[in-house]
Amino acid sequence: GMESEQARAAARHLNRIHGRYRIPNDD
């Protein structure tokens, strides 16, 4: 479920990977 803690943990992990770079919001 997308409101579960597992979903949030996965989103934090993905954001941690992407956060290393400068990615335009349009992309």
mmCIF file of all heavy atoms, coordinates in Angstrom:
data_MODEL
# 
_entry.id   MODEL 
# 
loop_
_atom_site.group_PDB 
_atom_site.id 
_atom_site.type_symbol 
_atom_site.label_atom_id 
_atom_site.label_alt_id 
_atom_site.label_comp_id 
_atom_site.label_asym_id 
_atom_site.label_entity_id 
_atom_site.label_seq_id 
_atom_site.pdbx_PDB_ins_code 
_atom_site.Cartn_x 
_atom_site.Cartn_y 
_atom_site.Cartn_z 
_atom_site.occupancy 
_atom_site.B_iso_or_equiv 
_atom_site.pdbx_formal_charge 
_atom_site.auth_seq_id 
_atom_site.auth_comp_id 
_atom_site.auth_asym_id 
_atom_site.auth_atom_id 
_atom_site.pdbx_PDB_model_num 
ATOM 1   N N   . GLY A 1 1  ? 0.832  -1.194 0.000   1.00 0.00 ? 1  GLY A N   1 
ATOM 2   C CA  . GLY A 1 1  ? 0.000  0.000  0.000   1.00 0.00 ? 1  GLY A CA  1 
ATOM 3   C C   . GLY A 1 1  ? 0.863  1.240  0.000   1.00 0.00 ? 1  GLY A C   1 
ATOM 4   O O   . GLY A 1 1  ? 1.910  1.299  0.670   1.00 0.00 ? 1  GLY A O   1 
ATOM 5   N N   . MET A 1 2  ? 0.437  2.258  -0.710  1.00 0.00 ? 2  MET A N   1 
ATOM 6   C CA  . MET A 1 2  ? 1.270  3.435  -0.897  1.00 0.00 ? 2  MET A CA  1 
ATOM 7   C C   . MET A 1 2  ? 1.285  4.366  0.297   1.00 0.00 ? 2  MET A C   1 
ATOM 8   O O   . MET A 1 2  ? 2.026  5.350  0.303   1.00 0.00 ? 2  MET A O   1 
ATOM 9   C CB  . MET A 1 2  ? 0.839  4.177  -2.162  1.00 0.00 ? 2  MET A CB  1 
ATOM 10  C CG  . MET A 1 2  ? 0.900  3.300  -3.396  1.00 0.00 ? 2  MET A CG  1 
ATOM 11  S SD  . MET A 1 2  ? 0.902  4.216  -4.944  1.00 0.00 ? 2  MET A SD  1 
ATOM 12  C CE  . MET A 1 2  ? 2.557  4.898  -4.933  1.00 0.00 ? 2  MET A CE  1 
ATOM 13  N N   . GLU A 1 3  ? 0.480  4.072  1.313   1.00 0.00 ? 3  GLU A N   1 
ATOM 14  C CA  . GLU A 1 3  ? 0.546  4.844  2.555   1.00 0.00 ? 3  GLU A CA  1 
ATOM 15  C C   . GLU A 1 3  ? 1.253  4.062  3.655   1.00 0.00 ? 3  GLU A C   1 
ATOM 16  O O   . GLU A 1 3  ? 1.291  4.496  4.806   1.00 0.00 ? 3  GLU A O   1 
ATOM 17  C CB  . GLU A 1 3  ? -0.868 5.223  3.016   1.00 0.00 ? 3  GLU A CB  1 
ATOM 18  C CG  . GLU A 1 3  ? -1.676 5.975  1.972   1.00 0.00 ? 3  GLU A CG  1 
ATOM 19  C CD  . GLU A 1 3  ? -0.941 7.188  1.423   1.00 0.00 ? 3  GLU A CD  1 
ATOM 20  O OE1 . GLU A 1 3  ? -0.275 7.893  2.204   1.00 0.00 ? 3  GLU A OE1 1 
ATOM 21  O OE2 . GLU A 1 3  ? -1.025 7.417  0.199   1.00 0.00 ? 3  GLU A OE2 1 
ATOM 22  N N   . SER A 1 4  ? 1.810  2.902  3.322   1.00 0.00 ? 4  SER A N   1 
ATOM 23  C CA  . SER A 1 4  ? 2.487  2.069  4.314   1.00 0.00 ? 4  SER A CA  1 
ATOM 24  C C   . SER A 1 4  ? 3.878  2.607  4.617   1.00 0.00 ? 4  SER A C   1 
ATOM 25  O O   . SER A 1 4  ? 4.449  3.388  3.850   1.00 0.00 ? 4  SER A O   1 
ATOM 26  C CB  . SER A 1 4  ? 2.584  0.628  3.815   1.00 0.00 ? 4  SER A CB  1 
ATOM 27  O OG  . SER A 1 4  ? 3.452  0.560  2.688   1.00 0.00 ? 4  SER A OG  1 
ATOM 28  N N   . GLU A 1 5  ? 4.441  2.167  5.717   1.00 0.00 ? 5  GLU A N   1 
ATOM 29  C CA  . GLU A 1 5  ? 5.799  2.563  6.060   1.00 0.00 ? 5  GLU A CA  1 
ATOM 30  C C   . GLU A 1 5  ? 6.796  2.002  5.057   1.00 0.00 ? 5  GLU A C   1 
ATOM 31  O O   . GLU A 1 5  ? 7.828  2.619  4.772   1.00 0.00 ? 5  GLU A O   1 
ATOM 32  C CB  . GLU A 1 5  ? 6.155  2.094  7.471   1.00 0.00 ? 5  GLU A CB  1 
ATOM 33  C CG  . GLU A 1 5  ? 7.586  2.402  7.906   1.00 0.00 ? 5  GLU A CG  1 
ATOM 34  C CD  . GLU A 1 5  ? 7.966  3.877  7.712   1.00 0.00 ? 5  GLU A CD  1 
ATOM 35  O OE1 . GLU A 1 5  ? 7.103  4.758  7.905   1.00 0.00 ? 5  GLU A OE1 1 
ATOM 36  O OE2 . GLU A 1 5  ? 9.137  4.145  7.365   1.00 0.00 ? 5  GLU A OE2 1 
ATOM 37  N N   . GLN A 1 6  ? 6.504  0.817  4.510   1.00 0.00 ? 6  GLN A N   1 
ATOM 38  C CA  . GLN A 1 6  ? 7.394  0.248  3.506   1.00 0.00 ? 6  GLN A CA  1 
ATOM 39  C C   . GLN A 1 6  ? 7.467  1.139  2.269   1.00 0.00 ? 6  GLN A C   1 
ATOM 40  O O   . GLN A 1 6  ? 8.541  1.350  1.704   1.00 0.00 ? 6  GLN A O   1 
ATOM 41  C CB  . GLN A 1 6  ? 6.912  -1.150 3.110   1.00 0.00 ? 6  GLN A CB  1 
ATOM 42  C CG  . GLN A 1 6  ? 7.755  -1.837 2.055   1.00 0.00 ? 6  GLN A CG  1 
ATOM 43  C CD  . GLN A 1 6  ? 9.175  -2.112 2.524   1.00 0.00 ? 6  GLN A CD  1 
ATOM 44  O OE1 . GLN A 1 6  ? 9.410  -2.193 3.739   1.00 0.00 ? 6  GLN A OE1 1 
ATOM 45  N NE2 . GLN A 1 6  ? 10.109 -2.236 1.604   1.00 0.00 ? 6  GLN A NE2 1 
ATOM 46  N N   . ALA A 1 7  ? 6.319  1.671  1.827   1.00 0.00 ? 7  ALA A N   1 
ATOM 47  C CA  . ALA A 1 7  ? 6.311  2.569  0.676   1.00 0.00 ? 7  ALA A CA  1 
ATOM 48  C C   . ALA A 1 7  ? 7.120  3.821  0.972   1.00 0.00 ? 7  ALA A C   1 
ATOM 49  O O   . ALA A 1 7  ? 7.882  4.312  0.114   1.00 0.00 ? 7  ALA A O   1 
ATOM 50  C CB  . ALA A 1 7  ? 4.876  2.929  0.300   1.00 0.00 ? 7  ALA A CB  1 
ATOM 51  N N   . ARG A 1 8  ? 6.985  4.351  2.171   1.00 0.00 ? 8  ARG A N   1 
ATOM 52  C CA  . ARG A 1 8  ? 7.712  5.564  2.531   1.00 0.00 ? 8  ARG A CA  1 
ATOM 53  C C   . ARG A 1 8  ? 9.212  5.298  2.629   1.00 0.00 ? 8  ARG A C   1 
ATOM 54  O O   . ARG A 1 8  ? 10.029 6.127  2.227   1.00 0.00 ? 8  ARG A O   1 
ATOM 55  C CB  . ARG A 1 8  ? 7.171  6.127  3.841   1.00 0.00 ? 8  ARG A CB  1 
ATOM 56  C CG  . ARG A 1 8  ? 5.777  6.708  3.682   1.00 0.00 ? 8  ARG A CG  1 
ATOM 57  C CD  . ARG A 1 8  ? 5.185  7.205  5.002   1.00 0.00 ? 8  ARG A CD  1 
ATOM 58  N NE  . ARG A 1 8  ? 3.981  7.955  4.718   1.00 0.00 ? 8  ARG A NE  1 
ATOM 59  C CZ  . ARG A 1 8  ? 3.948  9.243  4.445   1.00 0.00 ? 8  ARG A CZ  1 
ATOM 60  N NH1 . ARG A 1 8  ? 5.081  9.931  4.430   1.00 0.00 ? 8  ARG A NH1 1 
ATOM 61  N NH2 . ARG A 1 8  ? 2.813  9.861  4.182   1.00 0.00 ? 8  ARG A NH2 1 
ATOM 62  N N   . ALA A 1 9  ? 9.577  4.136  3.164   1.00 0.00 ? 9  ALA A N   1 
ATOM 63  C CA  . ALA A 1 9  ? 10.997 3.793  3.247   1.00 0.00 ? 9  ALA A CA  1 
ATOM 64  C C   . ALA A 1 9  ? 11.601 3.669  1.846   1.00 0.00 ? 9  ALA A C   1 
ATOM 65  O O   . ALA A 1 9  ? 12.723 4.121  1.595   1.00 0.00 ? 9  ALA A O   1 
ATOM 66  C CB  . ALA A 1 9  ? 11.174 2.492  4.027   1.00 0.00 ? 9  ALA A CB  1 
ATOM 67  N N   . ALA A 1 10 ? 10.850 3.054  0.924   1.00 0.00 ? 10 ALA A N   1 
ATOM 68  C CA  . ALA A 1 10 ? 11.328 2.933  -0.451  1.00 0.00 ? 10 ALA A CA  1 
ATOM 69  C C   . ALA A 1 10 ? 11.464 4.303  -1.104  1.00 0.00 ? 10 ALA A C   1 
ATOM 70  O O   . ALA A 1 10 ? 12.416 4.558  -1.849  1.00 0.00 ? 10 ALA A O   1 
ATOM 71  C CB  . ALA A 1 10 ? 10.384 2.045  -1.257  1.00 0.00 ? 10 ALA A CB  1 
ATOM 72  N N   . ALA A 1 11 ? 10.507 5.197  -0.842  1.00 0.00 ? 11 ALA A N   1 
ATOM 73  C CA  . ALA A 1 11 ? 10.577 6.539  -1.418  1.00 0.00 ? 11 ALA A CA  1 
ATOM 74  C C   . ALA A 1 11 ? 11.777 7.307  -0.860  1.00 0.00 ? 11 ALA A C   1 
ATOM 75  O O   . ALA A 1 11 ? 12.482 8.008  -1.610  1.00 0.00 ? 11 ALA A O   1 
ATOM 76  C CB  . ALA A 1 11 ? 9.283  7.294  -1.138  1.00 0.00 ? 11 ALA A CB  1 
ATOM 77  N N   . ARG A 1 12 ? 12.049 7.191  0.441   1.00 0.00 ? 12 ARG A N   1 
ATOM 78  C CA  . ARG A 1 12 ? 13.220 7.862  1.017   1.00 0.00 ? 12 ARG A CA  1 
ATOM 79  C C   . ARG A 1 12 ? 14.509 7.322  0.388   1.00 0.00 ? 12 ARG A C   1 
ATOM 80  O O   . ARG A 1 12 ? 15.445 8.072  0.108   1.00 0.00 ? 12 ARG A O   1 
ATOM 81  C CB  . ARG A 1 12 ? 13.261 7.658  2.531   1.00 0.00 ? 12 ARG A CB  1 
ATOM 82  C CG  . ARG A 1 12 ? 12.138 8.337  3.299   1.00 0.00 ? 12 ARG A CG  1 
ATOM 83  C CD  . ARG A 1 12 ? 12.349 8.203  4.806   1.00 0.00 ? 12 ARG A CD  1 
ATOM 84  N NE  . ARG A 1 12 ? 11.075 8.271  5.504   1.00 0.00 ? 12 ARG A NE  1 
ATOM 85  C CZ  . ARG A 1 12 ? 10.443 7.231  6.027   1.00 0.00 ? 12 ARG A CZ  1 
ATOM 86  N NH1 . ARG A 1 12 ? 10.989 6.017  5.955   1.00 0.00 ? 12 ARG A NH1 1 
ATOM 87  N NH2 . ARG A 1 12 ? 9.289  7.382  6.630   1.00 0.00 ? 12 ARG A NH2 1 
ATOM 88  N N   . HIS A 1 13 ? 14.549 6.017  0.184   1.00 0.00 ? 13 HIS A N   1 
ATOM 89  C CA  . HIS A 1 13 ? 15.739 5.407  -0.417  1.00 0.00 ? 13 HIS A CA  1 
ATOM 90  C C   . HIS A 1 13 ? 15.924 5.897  -1.856  1.00 0.00 ? 13 HIS A C   1 
ATOM 91  O O   . HIS A 1 13 ? 17.039 6.249  -2.266  1.00 0.00 ? 13 HIS A O   1 
ATOM 92  C CB  . HIS A 1 13 ? 15.583 3.885  -0.393  1.00 0.00 ? 13 HIS A CB  1 
ATOM 93  C CG  . HIS A 1 13 ? 16.774 3.143  -0.905  1.00 0.00 ? 13 HIS A CG  1 
ATOM 94  N ND1 . HIS A 1 13 ? 18.033 3.249  -0.346  1.00 0.00 ? 13 HIS A ND1 1 
ATOM 95  C CD2 . HIS A 1 13 ? 16.903 2.277  -1.954  1.00 0.00 ? 13 HIS A CD2 1 
ATOM 96  C CE1 . HIS A 1 13 ? 18.882 2.477  -1.017  1.00 0.00 ? 13 HIS A CE1 1 
ATOM 97  N NE2 . HIS A 1 13 ? 18.220 1.885  -1.998  1.00 0.00 ? 13 HIS A NE2 1 
ATOM 98  N N   . LEU A 1 14 ? 14.845 5.947  -2.619  1.00 0.00 ? 14 LEU A N   1 
ATOM 99  C CA  . LEU A 1 14 ? 14.932 6.436  -4.002  1.00 0.00 ? 14 LEU A CA  1 
ATOM 100 C C   . LEU A 1 14 ? 15.337 7.898  -4.029  1.00 0.00 ? 14 LEU A C   1 
ATOM 101 O O   . LEU A 1 14 ? 16.179 8.311  -4.843  1.00 0.00 ? 14 LEU A O   1 
ATOM 102 C CB  . LEU A 1 14 ? 13.584 6.235  -4.691  1.00 0.00 ? 14 LEU A CB  1 
ATOM 103 C CG  . LEU A 1 14 ? 13.507 6.632  -6.166  1.00 0.00 ? 14 LEU A CG  1 
ATOM 104 C CD1 . LEU A 1 14 ? 14.493 5.830  -6.996  1.00 0.00 ? 14 LEU A CD1 1 
ATOM 105 C CD2 . LEU A 1 14 ? 12.094 6.434  -6.691  1.00 0.00 ? 14 LEU A CD2 1 
ATOM 106 N N   . ASN A 1 15 ? 14.768 8.695  -3.134  1.00 0.00 ? 15 ASN A N   1 
ATOM 107 C CA  . ASN A 1 15 ? 15.124 10.113 -3.078  1.00 0.00 ? 15 ASN A CA  1 
ATOM 108 C C   . ASN A 1 15 ? 16.580 10.306 -2.669  1.00 0.00 ? 15 ASN A C   1 
ATOM 109 O O   . ASN A 1 15 ? 17.239 11.257 -3.101  1.00 0.00 ? 15 ASN A O   1 
ATOM 110 C CB  . ASN A 1 15 ? 14.197 10.843 -2.112  1.00 0.00 ? 15 ASN A CB  1 
ATOM 111 C CG  . ASN A 1 15 ? 12.767 10.914 -2.615  1.00 0.00 ? 15 ASN A CG  1 
ATOM 112 O OD1 . ASN A 1 15 ? 12.494 10.642 -3.774  1.00 0.00 ? 15 ASN A OD1 1 
ATOM 113 N ND2 . ASN A 1 15 ? 11.841 11.274 -1.742  1.00 0.00 ? 15 ASN A ND2 1 
ATOM 114 N N   . ARG A 1 16 ? 17.077 9.411  -1.820  1.00 0.00 ? 16 ARG A N   1 
ATOM 115 C CA  . ARG A 1 16 ? 18.489 9.484  -1.430  1.00 0.00 ? 16 ARG A CA  1 
ATOM 116 C C   . ARG A 1 16 ? 19.390 9.273  -2.650  1.00 0.00 ? 16 ARG A C   1 
ATOM 117 O O   . ARG A 1 16 ? 20.409 9.963  -2.802  1.00 0.00 ? 16 ARG A O   1 
ATOM 118 C CB  . ARG A 1 16 ? 18.774 8.431  -0.361  1.00 0.00 ? 16 ARG A CB  1 
ATOM 119 C CG  . ARG A 1 16 ? 20.247 8.201  -0.100  1.00 0.00 ? 16 ARG A CG  1 
ATOM 120 C CD  . ARG A 1 16 ? 20.504 7.408  1.160   1.00 0.00 ? 16 ARG A CD  1 
ATOM 121 N NE  . ARG A 1 16 ? 19.914 6.084  1.135   1.00 0.00 ? 16 ARG A NE  1 
ATOM 122 C CZ  . ARG A 1 16 ? 19.992 5.230  2.161   1.00 0.00 ? 16 ARG A CZ  1 
ATOM 123 N NH1 . ARG A 1 16 ? 20.603 5.603  3.281   1.00 0.00 ? 16 ARG A NH1 1 
ATOM 124 N NH2 . ARG A 1 16 ? 19.444 4.041  2.074   1.00 0.00 ? 16 ARG A NH2 1 
ATOM 125 N N   . ILE A 1 17 ? 19.022 8.336  -3.513  1.00 0.00 ? 17 ILE A N   1 
ATOM 126 C CA  . ILE A 1 17 ? 19.816 8.091  -4.721  1.00 0.00 ? 17 ILE A CA  1 
ATOM 127 C C   . ILE A 1 17 ? 19.753 9.296  -5.656  1.00 0.00 ? 17 ILE A C   1 
ATOM 128 O O   . ILE A 1 17 ? 20.774 9.812  -6.123  1.00 0.00 ? 17 ILE A O   1 
ATOM 129 C CB  . ILE A 1 17 ? 19.319 6.825  -5.435  1.00 0.00 ? 17 ILE A CB  1 
ATOM 130 C CG1 . ILE A 1 17 ? 19.543 5.593  -4.543  1.00 0.00 ? 17 ILE A CG1 1 
ATOM 131 C CG2 . ILE A 1 17 ? 20.024 6.647  -6.780  1.00 0.00 ? 17 ILE A CG2 1 
ATOM 132 C CD1 . ILE A 1 17 ? 18.866 4.339  -5.066  1.00 0.00 ? 17 ILE A CD1 1 
ATOM 133 N N   . HIS A 1 18 ? 18.530 9.768  -5.923  1.00 0.00 ? 18 HIS A N   1 
ATOM 134 C CA  . HIS A 1 18 ? 18.370 10.899 -6.839  1.00 0.00 ? 18 HIS A CA  1 
ATOM 135 C C   . HIS A 1 18 ? 18.944 12.187 -6.267  1.00 0.00 ? 18 HIS A C   1 
ATOM 136 O O   . HIS A 1 18 ? 19.347 13.078 -7.021  1.00 0.00 ? 18 HIS A O   1 
ATOM 137 C CB  . HIS A 1 18 ? 16.885 11.107 -7.143  1.00 0.00 ? 18 HIS A CB  1 
ATOM 138 C CG  . HIS A 1 18 ? 16.298 10.046 -8.018  1.00 0.00 ? 18 HIS A CG  1 
ATOM 139 N ND1 . HIS A 1 18 ? 14.942 9.846  -8.135  1.00 0.00 ? 18 HIS A ND1 1 
ATOM 140 C CD2 . HIS A 1 18 ? 16.875 9.119  -8.821  1.00 0.00 ? 18 HIS A CD2 1 
ATOM 141 C CE1 . HIS A 1 18 ? 14.711 8.852  -8.964  1.00 0.00 ? 18 HIS A CE1 1 
ATOM 142 N NE2 . HIS A 1 18 ? 15.872 8.397  -9.405  1.00 0.00 ? 18 HIS A NE2 1 
ATOM 143 N N   . GLY A 1 19 ? 18.976 12.307 -4.940  1.00 0.00 ? 19 GLY A N   1 
ATOM 144 C CA  . GLY A 1 19 ? 19.423 13.550 -4.321  1.00 0.00 ? 19 GLY A CA  1 
ATOM 145 C C   . GLY A 1 19 ? 20.875 13.873 -4.553  1.00 0.00 ? 19 GLY A C   1 
ATOM 146 O O   . GLY A 1 19 ? 21.310 14.992 -4.287  1.00 0.00 ? 19 GLY A O   1 
ATOM 147 N N   . ARG A 1 20 ? 21.629 12.913 -5.040  1.00 0.00 ? 20 ARG A N   1 
ATOM 148 C CA  . ARG A 1 20 ? 23.038 13.183 -5.316  1.00 0.00 ? 20 ARG A CA  1 
ATOM 149 C C   . ARG A 1 20 ? 23.218 14.060 -6.552  1.00 0.00 ? 20 ARG A C   1 
ATOM 150 O O   . ARG A 1 20 ? 24.278 14.643 -6.772  1.00 0.00 ? 20 ARG A O   1 
ATOM 151 C CB  . ARG A 1 20 ? 23.773 11.849 -5.521  1.00 0.00 ? 20 ARG A CB  1 
ATOM 152 C CG  . ARG A 1 20 ? 25.275 11.980 -5.694  1.00 0.00 ? 20 ARG A CG  1 
ATOM 153 C CD  . ARG A 1 20 ? 25.930 10.624 -5.812  1.00 0.00 ? 20 ARG A CD  1 
ATOM 154 N NE  . ARG A 1 20 ? 27.375 10.739 -5.897  1.00 0.00 ? 20 ARG A NE  1 
ATOM 155 C CZ  . ARG A 1 20 ? 28.196 9.715  -5.995  1.00 0.00 ? 20 ARG A CZ  1 
ATOM 156 N NH1 . ARG A 1 20 ? 27.717 8.488  -6.008  1.00 0.00 ? 20 ARG A NH1 1 
ATOM 157 N NH2 . ARG A 1 20 ? 29.503 9.893  -6.065  1.00 0.00 ? 20 ARG A NH2 1 
ATOM 158 N N   . TYR A 1 21 ? 22.181 14.147 -7.373  1.00 0.00 ? 21 TYR A N   1 
ATOM 159 C CA  . TYR A 1 21 ? 22.304 14.790 -8.669  1.00 0.00 ? 21 TYR A CA  1 
ATOM 160 C C   . TYR A 1 21 ? 21.341 15.953 -8.810  1.00 0.00 ? 21 TYR A C   1 
ATOM 161 O O   . TYR A 1 21 ? 20.369 16.069 -8.072  1.00 0.00 ? 21 TYR A O   1 
ATOM 162 C CB  . TYR A 1 21 ? 22.048 13.772 -9.777  1.00 0.00 ? 21 TYR A CB  1 
ATOM 163 C CG  . TYR A 1 21 ? 22.818 12.499 -9.621  1.00 0.00 ? 21 TYR A CG  1 
ATOM 164 C CD1 . TYR A 1 21 ? 22.176 11.312 -9.300  1.00 0.00 ? 21 TYR A CD1 1 
ATOM 165 C CD2 . TYR A 1 21 ? 24.203 12.489 -9.768  1.00 0.00 ? 21 TYR A CD2 1 
ATOM 166 C CE1 . TYR A 1 21 ? 22.897 10.137 -9.145  1.00 0.00 ? 21 TYR A CE1 1 
ATOM 167 C CE2 . TYR A 1 21 ? 24.918 11.318 -9.614  1.00 0.00 ? 21 TYR A CE2 1 
ATOM 168 C CZ  . TYR A 1 21 ? 24.262 10.148 -9.302  1.00 0.00 ? 21 TYR A CZ  1 
ATOM 169 O OH  . TYR A 1 21 ? 24.975 8.992  -9.145  1.00 0.00 ? 21 TYR A OH  1 
ATOM 170 N N   . ARG A 1 22 ? 21.591 16.778 -9.806  1.00 0.00 ? 22 ARG A N   1 
ATOM 171 C CA  . ARG A 1 22 ? 20.711 17.892 -10.133 1.00 0.00 ? 22 ARG A CA  1 
ATOM 172 C C   . ARG A 1 22 ? 19.809 17.466 -11.291 1.00 0.00 ? 22 ARG A C   1 
ATOM 173 O O   . ARG A 1 22 ? 20.245 17.456 -12.442 1.00 0.00 ? 22 ARG A O   1 
ATOM 174 C CB  . ARG A 1 22 ? 21.528 19.128 -10.509 1.00 0.00 ? 22 ARG A CB  1 
ATOM 175 C CG  . ARG A 1 22 ? 22.433 19.628 -9.383  1.00 0.00 ? 22 ARG A CG  1 
ATOM 176 C CD  . ARG A 1 22 ? 23.226 20.853 -9.834  1.00 0.00 ? 22 ARG A CD  1 
ATOM 177 N NE  . ARG A 1 22 ? 24.045 21.364 -8.750  1.00 0.00 ? 22 ARG A NE  1 
ATOM 178 C CZ  . ARG A 1 22 ? 25.305 21.005 -8.538  1.00 0.00 ? 22 ARG A CZ  1 
ATOM 179 N NH1 . ARG A 1 22 ? 25.886 20.136 -9.337  1.00 0.00 ? 22 ARG A NH1 1 
ATOM 180 N NH2 . ARG A 1 22 ? 25.988 21.513 -7.536  1.00 0.00 ? 22 ARG A NH2 1 
ATOM 181 N N   . ILE A 1 23 ? 18.571 17.109 -10.988 1.00 0.00 ? 23 ILE A N   1 
ATOM 182 C CA  . ILE A 1 23 ? 17.642 16.603 -11.998 1.00 0.00 ? 23 ILE A CA  1 
ATOM 183 C C   . ILE A 1 23 ? 16.506 17.613 -12.135 1.00 0.00 ? 23 ILE A C   1 
ATOM 184 O O   . ILE A 1 23 ? 15.818 17.903 -11.151 1.00 0.00 ? 23 ILE A O   1 
ATOM 185 C CB  . ILE A 1 23 ? 17.072 15.230 -11.593 1.00 0.00 ? 23 ILE A CB  1 
ATOM 186 C CG1 . ILE A 1 23 ? 18.211 14.248 -11.307 1.00 0.00 ? 23 ILE A CG1 1 
ATOM 187 C CG2 . ILE A 1 23 ? 16.150 14.689 -12.686 1.00 0.00 ? 23 ILE A CG2 1 
ATOM 188 C CD1 . ILE A 1 23 ? 17.736 12.902 -10.807 1.00 0.00 ? 23 ILE A CD1 1 
ATOM 189 N N   . PRO A 1 24 ? 16.269 18.150 -13.311 1.00 0.00 ? 24 PRO A N   1 
ATOM 190 C CA  . PRO A 1 24 ? 15.167 19.099 -13.490 1.00 0.00 ? 24 PRO A CA  1 
ATOM 191 C C   . PRO A 1 24 ? 13.816 18.441 -13.197 1.00 0.00 ? 24 PRO A C   1 
ATOM 192 O O   . PRO A 1 24 ? 13.601 17.268 -13.510 1.00 0.00 ? 24 PRO A O   1 
ATOM 193 C CB  . PRO A 1 24 ? 15.279 19.515 -14.966 1.00 0.00 ? 24 PRO A CB  1 
ATOM 194 C CG  . PRO A 1 24 ? 16.682 19.191 -15.361 1.00 0.00 ? 24 PRO A CG  1 
ATOM 195 C CD  . PRO A 1 24 ? 17.065 17.990 -14.556 1.00 0.00 ? 24 PRO A CD  1 
ATOM 196 N N   . ASN A 1 25 ? 12.922 19.207 -12.620 1.00 0.00 ? 25 ASN A N   1 
ATOM 197 C CA  . ASN A 1 25 ? 11.591 18.691 -12.325 1.00 0.00 ? 25 ASN A CA  1 
ATOM 198 C C   . ASN A 1 25 ? 10.870 18.234 -13.593 1.00 0.00 ? 25 ASN A C   1 
ATOM 199 O O   . ASN A 1 25 ? 10.111 17.251 -13.576 1.00 0.00 ? 25 ASN A O   1 
ATOM 200 C CB  . ASN A 1 25 ? 10.757 19.759 -11.616 1.00 0.00 ? 25 ASN A CB  1 
ATOM 201 C CG  . ASN A 1 25 ? 9.455  19.218 -11.070 1.00 0.00 ? 25 ASN A CG  1 
ATOM 202 O OD1 . ASN A 1 25 ? 9.425  18.471 -10.093 1.00 0.00 ? 25 ASN A OD1 1 
ATOM 203 N ND2 . ASN A 1 25 ? 8.343  19.587 -11.690 1.00 0.00 ? 25 ASN A ND2 1 
ATOM 204 N N   . ASP A 1 26 ? 11.106 18.917 -14.721 1.00 0.00 ? 26 ASP A N   1 
ATOM 205 C CA  . ASP A 1 26 ? 10.486 18.517 -15.989 1.00 0.00 ? 26 ASP A CA  1 
ATOM 206 C C   . ASP A 1 26 ? 10.873 17.096 -16.384 1.00 0.00 ? 26 ASP A C   1 
ATOM 207 O O   . ASP A 1 26 ? 10.057 16.351 -16.936 1.00 0.00 ? 26 ASP A O   1 
ATOM 208 C CB  . ASP A 1 26 ? 10.890 19.479 -17.105 1.00 0.00 ? 26 ASP A CB  1 
ATOM 209 C CG  . ASP A 1 26 ? 10.143 20.804 -17.038 1.00 0.00 ? 26 ASP A CG  1 
ATOM 210 O OD1 . ASP A 1 26 ? 9.237  20.916 -16.189 1.00 0.00 ? 26 ASP A OD1 1 
ATOM 211 O OD2 . ASP A 1 26 ? 10.461 21.704 -17.819 1.00 0.00 ? 26 ASP A OD2 1 
ATOM 212 N N   . ASP A 1 27 ? 12.134 16.711 -16.123 1.00 0.00 ? 27 ASP A N   1 
ATOM 213 C CA  . ASP A 1 27 ? 12.567 15.361 -16.466 1.00 0.00 ? 27 ASP A CA  1 
ATOM 214 C C   . ASP A 1 27 ? 11.899 14.325 -15.561 1.00 0.00 ? 27 ASP A C   1 
ATOM 215 O O   . ASP A 1 27 ? 11.509 13.249 -16.016 1.00 0.00 ? 27 ASP A O   1 
ATOM 216 C CB  . ASP A 1 27 ? 14.087 15.251 -16.362 1.00 0.00 ? 27 ASP A CB  1 
ATOM 217 C CG  . ASP A 1 27 ? 14.801 16.043 -17.449 1.00 0.00 ? 27 ASP A CG  1 
ATOM 218 O OD1 . ASP A 1 27 ? 14.109 16.590 -18.338 1.00 0.00 ? 27 ASP A OD1 1 
ATOM 219 O OD2 . ASP A 1 27 ? 16.039 16.132 -17.410 1.00 0.00 ? 27 ASP A OD2 1 
# 
